Amino acid sequence: MCLILIAWQAHPDYPLVVAANRDEFFSRPSATAEFWQDAPQVLAGRDLEAGGTWLGTSRTQRFAALTNFREGGRTRADARSRGALVADFLTGSAAPAEYLAQVAGDADDYNGFNLFVGDGRRLACYSNRGDGQPHWLSPGIYGLSNHLLDTPWPKLASAKATFAKALASLPARAPFFELLADREIVPDSHLPETGVPLEWERILSAIFVKAEGYGTRASTLLVRQRNGQTTLVERSFDASGLASGEVSETFQSSLI
């Protein structure tokens, strides 16, 4: 996942709204979002290589999502799968603070990551490349790409502004998917330096990424209403950048 936009307690009727793009190699097998057979309360896609996921929710209003921290040259081949961090929270029962304390204890076992976890009452963001502390989110709009929360990369600043406007159009979905489909490349003078070649900095500067064998594989919109009704819509894309399918699930969730 390379872009996550979140409105947390920022809309009078929708306490949680998430719009996200997952960028990944097309050679890595994955399943589209569905309720898991081995954990029927969880709705999420699934990485079929390591068994984890990048974003999901549950019937008990648990939510978690993950991005990798981009740092060219620092990736360890023996690191644990980061997708397990999302899956373990969604399938578990630990409160967010308890869970993040556990994650912090094992943080060095993973390559760089950013992790959102929430239970409908509280929402936090934690990174093993940050200050080592969970950041509990107050009501507002937040953006996360492949650096720390709200790092003002051009695509994130643009996406947050458009996301804020899209909130006013709810329950319409189209403005969010239009935002997530933006393929504009940022000028070189505004690119971050994250340790990857300049060609990749350019490619990854777009909200919707398209490269040979790699790119945006799914765009997801998650909307939760005050009464607990939750809708997740996921659009899948093939290696040509064309839409290849859509999943839509609406269900009643409740706090426990």
C-alpha atoms as a PDB file:
ATOM      1  CA  MET A   1       0.000   0.000   0.000  1.00  0.00           C
ATOM      2  CA  CYS A   2       1.515   3.300  -1.021  1.00  0.00           C
ATOM      3  CA  LEU A   3      -1.176   5.830  -0.247  1.00  0.00           C
ATOM      4  CA  ILE A   4      -3.733   6.004   2.563  1.00  0.00           C
ATOM      5  CA  LEU A   5      -6.048   8.941   3.211  1.00  0.00           C
ATOM      6  CA  ILE A   6      -8.151   8.951   6.370  1.00  0.00           C
ATOM      7  CA  ALA A   7     -10.884  11.170   7.726  1.00  0.00           C
ATOM      8  CA  TRP A   8     -11.209  10.328  11.408  1.00  0.00           C
ATOM      9  CA  GLN A   9     -14.199  11.842  13.218  1.00  0.00           C
ATOM     10  CA  ALA A  10     -14.051  14.666  10.666  1.00  0.00           C
ATOM     11  CA  HIS A  11     -17.531  14.274   9.144  1.00  0.00           C
ATOM     12  CA  PRO A  12     -20.794  14.549  11.129  1.00  0.00           C
ATOM     13  CA  ASP A  13     -22.277  11.411   9.543  1.00  0.00           C
ATOM     14  CA  TYR A  14     -19.212   9.320   8.724  1.00  0.00           C
ATOM     15  CA  PRO A  15     -16.725   8.855  11.583  1.00  0.00           C
ATOM     16  CA  LEU A  16     -14.294   6.871   9.432  1.00  0.00           C
ATOM     17  CA  VAL A  17     -13.581   7.323   5.733  1.00  0.00           C
ATOM     18  CA  VAL A  18     -10.538   5.730   4.103  1.00  0.00           C
ATOM     19  CA  ALA A  19      -9.346   5.983   0.501  1.00  0.00           C
ATOM     20  CA  ALA A  20      -6.239   4.007  -0.386  1.00  0.00           C
ATOM     21  CA  ASN A  21      -4.107   2.653  -3.210  1.00  0.00           C
ATOM     22  CA  ARG A  22      -2.124  -0.534  -2.904  1.00  0.00           C
ATOM     23  CA  ASP A  23       1.022  -0.611  -5.055  1.00  0.00           C
ATOM     24  CA  GLU A  24       2.754  -3.963  -5.506  1.00  0.00           C
ATOM     25  CA  PHE A  25       4.540  -6.201  -7.996  1.00  0.00           C
ATOM     26  CA  PHE A  26       2.031  -7.983 -10.210  1.00  0.00           C
ATOM     27  CA  SER A  27       4.007 -11.197  -9.801  1.00  0.00           C
ATOM     28  CA  ARG A  28       3.064 -11.345  -6.100  1.00  0.00           C
ATOM     29  CA  PRO A  29      -0.160 -13.357  -5.798  1.00  0.00           C
ATOM     30  CA  SER A  30      -3.023 -11.871  -3.814  1.00  0.00           C
ATOM     31  CA  ALA A  31      -6.757 -12.291  -3.297  1.00  0.00           C
ATOM     32  CA  THR A  32      -9.309  -9.508  -3.565  1.00  0.00           C
ATOM     33  CA  ALA A  33     -11.222  -8.282  -0.530  1.00  0.00           C
ATOM     34  CA  GLU A  34     -13.640 -10.763   1.027  1.00  0.00           C
ATOM     35  CA  PHE A  35     -14.705 -12.048   4.438  1.00  0.00           C
ATOM     36  CA  TRP A  36     -12.027 -14.551   5.426  1.00  0.00           C
ATOM     37  CA  GLN A  37     -13.042 -18.186   5.815  1.00  0.00           C
ATOM     38  CA  ASP A  38     -10.644 -18.653   8.734  1.00  0.00           C
ATOM     39  CA  ALA A  39     -11.718 -15.359  10.392  1.00  0.00           C
ATOM     40  CA  PRO A  40     -15.296 -14.590   9.261  1.00  0.00           C
ATOM     41  CA  GLN A  41     -15.386 -11.264  11.097  1.00  0.00           C
ATOM     42  CA  VAL A  42     -12.560  -9.860   8.922  1.00  0.00           C
ATOM     43  CA  LEU A  43     -13.074  -8.183   5.548  1.00  0.00           C
ATOM     44  CA  ALA A  44      -9.808  -7.649   3.690  1.00  0.00           C
ATOM     45  CA  GLY A  45      -7.736  -8.605   0.709  1.00  0.00           C
ATOM     46  CA  ARG A  46      -5.011 -11.176   1.253  1.00  0.00           C
ATOM     47  CA  ASP A  47      -1.387 -11.604   0.286  1.00  0.00           C
ATOM     48  CA  LEU A  48      -1.227 -15.214  -0.906  1.00  0.00           C
ATOM     49  CA  GLU A  49       2.544 -15.325  -0.591  1.00  0.00           C
ATOM     50  CA  ALA A  50       2.860 -14.578   3.134  1.00  0.00           C
ATOM     51  CA  GLY A  51      -0.776 -14.700   4.316  1.00  0.00           C
ATOM     52  CA  GLY A  52      -1.118 -11.165   5.604  1.00  0.00           C
ATOM     53  CA  THR A  53      -2.943  -8.135   4.263  1.00  0.00           C
ATOM     54  CA  TRP A  54      -2.452  -4.428   3.611  1.00  0.00           C
ATOM     55  CA  LEU A  55      -5.833  -3.009   4.667  1.00  0.00           C
ATOM     56  CA  GLY A  56      -8.961  -4.374   6.270  1.00  0.00           C
ATOM     57  CA  THR A  57     -11.804  -3.952   8.710  1.00  0.00           C
ATOM     58  CA  SER A  58     -14.033  -6.158  10.844  1.00  0.00           C
ATOM     59  CA  ARG A  59     -17.598  -6.546  12.006  1.00  0.00           C
ATOM     60  CA  THR A  60     -16.466  -5.138  15.382  1.00  0.00           C
ATOM     61  CA  GLN A  61     -15.156  -1.893  13.817  1.00  0.00           C
ATOM     62  CA  ARG A  62     -11.513  -2.880  13.968  1.00  0.00           C
ATOM     63  CA  PHE A  63      -9.501  -1.233  11.222  1.00  0.00           C
ATOM     64  CA  ALA A  64      -5.872  -1.577  10.206  1.00  0.00           C
ATOM     65  CA  ALA A  65      -3.772  -0.559   7.225  1.00  0.00           C
ATOM     66  CA  LEU A  66      -0.100  -0.541   6.352  1.00  0.00           C
ATOM     67  CA  THR A  67       2.414   1.162   4.074  1.00  0.00           C
ATOM     68  CA  ASN A  68       6.053   0.298   3.585  1.00  0.00           C
ATOM     69  CA  PHE A  69       8.645   2.921   4.503  1.00  0.00           C
ATOM     70  CA  ARG A  70      10.680   3.647   1.376  1.00  0.00           C
ATOM     71  CA  GLU A  71      14.390   3.622   2.097  1.00  0.00           C
ATOM     72  CA  GLY A  72      16.479   2.376  -0.803  1.00  0.00           C
ATOM     73  CA  GLY A  73      19.272   0.023   0.244  1.00  0.00           C
ATOM     74  CA  ARG A  74      17.968  -0.838   3.724  1.00  0.00           C
ATOM     75  CA  THR A  75      15.690  -3.765   2.931  1.00  0.00           C
ATOM     76  CA  ARG A  76      16.467  -7.031   4.735  1.00  0.00           C
ATOM     77  CA  ALA A  77      15.655 -10.319   3.039  1.00  0.00           C
ATOM     78  CA  ASP A  78      15.229 -12.093   6.393  1.00  0.00           C
ATOM     79  CA  ALA A  79      12.690  -9.634   7.835  1.00  0.00           C
ATOM     80  CA  ARG A  80       9.236 -10.778   8.945  1.00  0.00           C
ATOM     81  CA  SER A  81       6.250 -10.104   6.700  1.00  0.00           C
ATOM     82  CA  ARG A  82       4.750  -6.694   7.437  1.00  0.00           C
ATOM     83  CA  GLY A  83       1.313  -7.786   6.259  1.00  0.00           C
ATOM     84  CA  ALA A  84       1.022  -9.911   9.399  1.00  0.00           C
ATOM     85  CA  LEU A  85       0.869  -6.700  11.451  1.00  0.00           C
ATOM     86  CA  VAL A  86      -2.485  -5.828   9.870  1.00  0.00           C
ATOM     87  CA  ALA A  87      -3.850  -9.369   9.875  1.00  0.00           C
ATOM     88  CA  ASP A  88      -2.936 -10.020  13.508  1.00  0.00           C
ATOM     89  CA  PHE A  89      -4.740  -6.910  14.702  1.00  0.00           C
ATOM     90  CA  LEU A  90      -7.863  -7.601  12.659  1.00  0.00           C
ATOM     91  CA  THR A  91      -8.118 -11.207  13.845  1.00  0.00           C
ATOM     92  CA  GLY A  92      -7.164 -10.444  17.452  1.00  0.00           C
ATOM     93  CA  SER A  93      -8.899  -8.807  20.388  1.00  0.00           C
ATOM     94  CA  ALA A  94      -6.165  -6.616  21.904  1.00  0.00           C
ATOM     95  CA  ALA A  95      -6.944  -2.926  22.301  1.00  0.00           C
ATOM     96  CA  PRO A  96      -4.940  -0.670  19.978  1.00  0.00           C
ATOM     97  CA  ALA A  97      -2.604   0.560  22.734  1.00  0.00           C
ATOM     98  CA  GLU A  98      -1.890  -2.981  23.898  1.00  0.00           C
ATOM     99  CA  TYR A  99      -1.334  -4.201  20.372  1.00  0.00           C
ATOM    100  CA  LEU A 100       1.035  -1.385  19.441  1.00  0.00           C
ATOM    101  CA  ALA A 101       3.065  -2.028  22.580  1.00  0.00           C
ATOM    102  CA  GLN A 102       3.518  -5.602  21.357  1.00  0.00           C
ATOM    103  CA  VAL A 103       4.452  -4.393  17.876  1.00  0.00           C
ATOM    104  CA  ALA A 104       7.002  -1.948  19.287  1.00  0.00           C
ATOM    105  CA  GLY A 105       8.717  -4.793  21.109  1.00  0.00           C
ATOM    106  CA  ASP A 106       9.282  -6.612  17.824  1.00  0.00           C
ATOM    107  CA  ALA A 107       9.703  -3.585  15.575  1.00  0.00           C
ATOM    108  CA  ASP A 108      13.302  -4.388  14.619  1.00  0.00           C
ATOM    109  CA  ASP A 109      12.198  -7.703  13.113  1.00  0.00           C
ATOM    110  CA  TYR A 110      10.548  -5.877  10.191  1.00  0.00           C
ATOM    111  CA  ASN A 111      11.644  -3.696   7.352  1.00  0.00           C
ATOM    112  CA  GLY A 112      10.369  -0.122   7.595  1.00  0.00           C
ATOM    113  CA  PHE A 113       6.622   0.251   7.983  1.00  0.00           C
ATOM    114  CA  ASN A 114       3.793   2.575   8.969  1.00  0.00           C
ATOM    115  CA  LEU A 115       0.751   1.045  10.624  1.00  0.00           C
ATOM    116  CA  PHE A 116      -2.734   2.358  11.380  1.00  0.00           C
ATOM    117  CA  VAL A 117      -4.802   0.482  13.966  1.00  0.00           C
ATOM    118  CA  GLY A 118      -8.184   1.445  15.408  1.00  0.00           C
ATOM    119  CA  ASP A 119     -11.142  -0.112  17.190  1.00  0.00           C
ATOM    120  CA  GLY A 120     -13.892   2.430  16.460  1.00  0.00           C
ATOM    121  CA  ARG A 121     -13.045   4.409  19.600  1.00  0.00           C
ATOM    122  CA  ARG A 122      -9.395   5.311  19.046  1.00  0.00           C
ATOM    123  CA  LEU A 123      -7.128   5.374  16.007  1.00  0.00           C
ATOM    124  CA  ALA A 124      -3.337   5.470  16.046  1.00  0.00           C
ATOM    125  CA  CYS A 125      -0.443   5.476  13.619  1.00  0.00           C
ATOM    126  CA  TYR A 126       2.853   3.810  14.473  1.00  0.00           C
ATOM    127  CA  SER A 127       6.102   3.576  12.510  1.00  0.00           C
ATOM    128  CA  ASN A 128       9.271   1.650  13.251  1.00  0.00           C
ATOM    129  CA  ARG A 129      11.128   4.454  11.468  1.00  0.00           C
ATOM    130  CA  GLY A 130       9.647   7.223  13.552  1.00  0.00           C
ATOM    131  CA  ASP A 131      10.090   8.148  17.189  1.00  0.00           C
ATOM    132  CA  GLY A 132       8.982   4.735  18.414  1.00  0.00           C
ATOM    133  CA  GLN A 133       5.719   6.046  19.853  1.00  0.00           C
ATOM    134  CA  PRO A 134       2.120   5.591  18.678  1.00  0.00           C
ATOM    135  CA  HIS A 135       0.515   8.807  17.472  1.00  0.00           C
ATOM    136  CA  TRP A 136      -3.116   8.924  18.610  1.00  0.00           C
ATOM    137  CA  LEU A 137      -5.149  10.788  16.049  1.00  0.00           C
ATOM    138  CA  SER A 138      -7.437  13.629  16.987  1.00  0.00           C
ATOM    139  CA  PRO A 139     -10.405  14.376  14.687  1.00  0.00           C
ATOM    140  CA  GLY A 140      -9.120  15.428  11.302  1.00  0.00           C
ATOM    141  CA  ILE A 141      -7.835  14.406   7.881  1.00  0.00           C
ATOM    142  CA  TYR A 142      -4.578  12.488   7.563  1.00  0.00           C
ATOM    143  CA  GLY A 143      -2.407  11.184   4.769  1.00  0.00           C
ATOM    144  CA  LEU A 144       0.247   8.506   4.631  1.00  0.00           C
ATOM    145  CA  SER A 145       2.474   7.404   1.798  1.00  0.00           C
ATOM    146  CA  ASN A 146       5.850   5.695   2.148  1.00  0.00           C
ATOM    147  CA  HIS A 147       7.331   8.029   4.732  1.00  0.00           C
ATOM    148  CA  LEU A 148       6.023   9.228   8.098  1.00  0.00           C
ATOM    149  CA  LEU A 149       2.438  10.364   8.706  1.00  0.00           C
ATOM    150  CA  ASP A 150       1.578  13.584   6.823  1.00  0.00           C
ATOM    151  CA  THR A 151       5.067  13.964   5.327  1.00  0.00           C
ATOM    152  CA  PRO A 152       4.345  16.685   2.722  1.00  0.00           C
ATOM    153  CA  TRP A 153       5.335  14.814  -0.423  1.00  0.00           C
ATOM    154  CA  PRO A 154       3.670  16.494  -3.431  1.00  0.00           C
ATOM    155  CA  LYS A 155       1.317  13.616  -4.218  1.00  0.00           C
ATOM    156  CA  LEU A 156       0.223  13.403  -0.593  1.00  0.00           C
ATOM    157  CA  ALA A 157      -0.438  17.127  -0.273  1.00  0.00           C
ATOM    158  CA  SER A 158      -2.483  17.076  -3.476  1.00  0.00           C
ATOM    159  CA  ALA A 159      -4.354  13.929  -2.493  1.00  0.00           C
ATOM    160  CA  LYS A 160      -5.281  15.266   0.956  1.00  0.00           C
ATOM    161  CA  ALA A 161      -6.723  18.471  -0.512  1.00  0.00           C
ATOM    162  CA  THR A 162      -8.834  16.551  -3.038  1.00  0.00           C
ATOM    163  CA  PHE A 163      -9.877  14.027  -0.394  1.00  0.00           C
ATOM    164  CA  ALA A 164     -11.134  16.825   1.851  1.00  0.00           C
ATOM    165  CA  LYS A 165     -13.334  18.103  -0.989  1.00  0.00           C
ATOM    166  CA  ALA A 166     -14.607  14.591  -1.738  1.00  0.00           C
ATOM    167  CA  LEU A 167     -15.857  14.207   1.839  1.00  0.00           C
ATOM    168  CA  ALA A 168     -18.468  16.868   1.167  1.00  0.00           C
ATOM    169  CA  SER A 169     -19.898  14.755  -1.664  1.00  0.00           C
ATOM    170  CA  LEU A 170     -20.625  11.659   0.440  1.00  0.00           C
ATOM    171  CA  PRO A 171     -22.324   9.256  -0.059  1.00  0.00           C
ATOM    172  CA  ALA A 172     -21.054   9.670  -3.655  1.00  0.00           C
ATOM    173  CA  ARG A 173     -18.085   7.393  -4.332  1.00  0.00           C
ATOM    174  CA  ALA A 174     -16.909   8.692  -7.693  1.00  0.00           C
ATOM    175  CA  PRO A 175     -14.833  11.642  -6.377  1.00  0.00           C
ATOM    176  CA  PHE A 176     -12.719   9.304  -4.247  1.00  0.00           C
ATOM    177  CA  PHE A 177     -11.997   6.912  -7.093  1.00  0.00           C
ATOM    178  CA  GLU A 178     -11.224   9.818  -9.406  1.00  0.00           C
ATOM    179  CA  LEU A 179      -8.681  10.988  -6.842  1.00  0.00           C
ATOM    180  CA  LEU A 180      -7.114   7.545  -6.568  1.00  0.00           C
ATOM    181  CA  ALA A 181      -6.840   7.286 -10.379  1.00  0.00           C
ATOM    182  CA  ASP A 182      -4.628  10.391 -10.772  1.00  0.00           C
ATOM    183  CA  ARG A 183      -1.514   9.430 -12.803  1.00  0.00           C
ATOM    184  CA  GLU A 184       0.204  12.820 -12.870  1.00  0.00           C
ATOM    185  CA  ILE A 185       3.998  12.631 -12.445  1.00  0.00           C
ATOM    186  CA  VAL A 186       5.577  15.272 -10.199  1.00  0.00           C
ATOM    187  CA  PRO A 187       8.327  17.524 -11.673  1.00  0.00           C
ATOM    188  CA  ASP A 188      11.858  16.463 -10.743  1.00  0.00           C
ATOM    189  CA  SER A 189      12.422  19.601  -8.686  1.00  0.00           C
ATOM    190  CA  HIS A 190       9.695  18.508  -6.252  1.00  0.00           C
ATOM    191  CA  LEU A 191      10.634  14.854  -5.895  1.00  0.00           C
ATOM    192  CA  PRO A 192      11.766  13.462  -2.536  1.00  0.00           C
ATOM    193  CA  GLU A 193      15.051  11.607  -2.219  1.00  0.00           C
ATOM    194  CA  THR A 194      14.379   8.195  -0.697  1.00  0.00           C
ATOM    195  CA  GLY A 195      17.395   6.207  -1.879  1.00  0.00           C
ATOM    196  CA  VAL A 196      15.822   4.792  -5.046  1.00  0.00           C
ATOM    197  CA  PRO A 197      16.916   5.776  -8.605  1.00  0.00           C
ATOM    198  CA  LEU A 198      15.501   9.007 -10.036  1.00  0.00           C
ATOM    199  CA  GLU A 199      13.457   7.070 -12.597  1.00  0.00           C
ATOM    200  CA  TRP A 200      11.647   5.313  -9.746  1.00  0.00           C
ATOM    201  CA  GLU A 201      11.197   8.519  -7.771  1.00  0.00           C
ATOM    202  CA  ARG A 202       9.332   9.827 -10.818  1.00  0.00           C
ATOM    203  CA  ILE A 203       7.189   6.743 -11.257  1.00  0.00           C
ATOM    204  CA  LEU A 204       6.284   6.573  -7.562  1.00  0.00           C
ATOM    205  CA  SER A 205       5.397  10.272  -7.392  1.00  0.00           C
ATOM    206  CA  ALA A 206       2.012   9.590  -9.007  1.00  0.00           C
ATOM    207  CA  ILE A 207      -1.039   8.772  -6.909  1.00  0.00           C
ATOM    208  CA  PHE A 208      -1.854   5.910  -9.301  1.00  0.00           C
ATOM    209  CA  VAL A 209       1.390   4.118 -10.147  1.00  0.00           C
ATOM    210  CA  LYS A 210       2.071   2.301 -13.412  1.00  0.00           C
ATOM    211  CA  ALA A 211       5.409   0.699 -14.291  1.00  0.00           C
ATOM    212  CA  GLU A 212       6.631  -2.464 -15.963  1.00  0.00           C
ATOM    213  CA  GLY A 213       5.542  -5.322 -13.693  1.00  0.00           C
ATOM    214  CA  TYR A 214       4.656  -3.004 -10.810  1.00  0.00           C
ATOM    215  CA  GLY A 215       1.915  -0.540 -10.016  1.00  0.00           C
ATOM    216  CA  THR A 216      -1.382   0.206  -8.359  1.00  0.00           C
ATOM    217  CA  ARG A 217      -3.186  -3.111  -8.062  1.00  0.00           C
ATOM    218  CA  ALA A 218      -6.162  -1.996  -5.972  1.00  0.00           C
ATOM    219  CA  SER A 219      -8.002   1.180  -5.017  1.00  0.00           C
ATOM    220  CA  THR A 220     -10.111   0.909  -1.873  1.00  0.00           C
ATOM    221  CA  LEU A 221     -12.805   3.084  -0.340  1.00  0.00           C
ATOM    222  CA  LEU A 222     -13.971   2.298   3.200  1.00  0.00           C
ATOM    223  CA  VAL A 223     -16.865   4.290   4.667  1.00  0.00           C
ATOM    224  CA  ARG A 224     -18.403   3.814   8.113  1.00  0.00           C
ATOM    225  CA  GLN A 225     -21.587   5.608   9.136  1.00  0.00           C
ATOM    226  CA  ARG A 226     -22.516   6.732  12.656  1.00  0.00           C
ATOM    227  CA  ASN A 227     -24.947   3.830  12.981  1.00  0.00           C
ATOM    228  CA  GLY A 228     -22.171   1.348  12.229  1.00  0.00           C
ATOM    229  CA  GLN A 229     -23.135   0.541   8.657  1.00  0.00           C
ATOM    230  CA  THR A 230     -19.869  -0.071   6.852  1.00  0.00           C
ATOM    231  CA  THR A 231     -19.168  -0.202   3.125  1.00  0.00           C
ATOM    232  CA  LEU A 232     -15.943  -1.332   1.491  1.00  0.00           C
ATOM    233  CA  VAL A 233     -15.479  -0.982  -2.259  1.00  0.00           C
ATOM    234  CA  GLU A 234     -12.311  -2.283  -3.886  1.00  0.00           C
ATOM    235  CA  ARG A 235     -11.382  -1.857  -7.543  1.00  0.00           C
ATOM    236  CA  SER A 236      -8.656  -4.090  -8.964  1.00  0.00           C
ATOM    237  CA  PHE A 237      -6.298  -3.252 -11.839  1.00  0.00           C
ATOM    238  CA  ASP A 238      -4.198  -5.357 -14.161  1.00  0.00           C
ATOM    239  CA  ALA A 239      -0.593  -4.811 -15.252  1.00  0.00           C
ATOM    240  CA  SER A 240      -1.776  -2.515 -18.055  1.00  0.00           C
ATOM    241  CA  GLY A 241      -3.406  -0.199 -15.533  1.00  0.00           C
ATOM    242  CA  LEU A 242      -6.892  -1.195 -16.628  1.00  0.00           C
ATOM    243  CA  ALA A 243      -9.724  -1.997 -14.215  1.00  0.00           C
ATOM    244  CA  SER A 244     -10.102  -5.763 -13.859  1.00  0.00           C
ATOM    245  CA  GLY A 245     -12.818  -6.129 -11.225  1.00  0.00           C
ATOM    246  CA  GLU A 246     -14.714  -4.600  -8.323  1.00  0.00           C
ATOM    247  CA  VAL A 247     -15.799  -5.887  -4.928  1.00  0.00           C
ATOM    248  CA  SER A 248     -18.464  -4.126  -2.854  1.00  0.00           C
ATOM    249  CA  GLU A 249     -19.552  -5.208   0.637  1.00  0.00           C
ATOM    250  CA  THR A 250     -21.931  -3.426   2.990  1.00  0.00           C
ATOM    251  CA  PHE A 251     -22.562  -4.768   6.477  1.00  0.00           C
ATOM    252  CA  GLN A 252     -23.618  -3.678   9.938  1.00  0.00           C
ATOM    253  CA  SER A 253     -20.742  -3.316  12.385  1.00  0.00           C
ATOM    254  CA  SER A 254     -20.845  -2.664  16.097  1.00  0.00           C
ATOM    255  CA  LEU A 255     -18.457  -1.880  18.917  1.00  0.00           C
ATOM    256  CA  ILE A 256     -17.687  -4.584  21.472  1.00  0.00           C
END
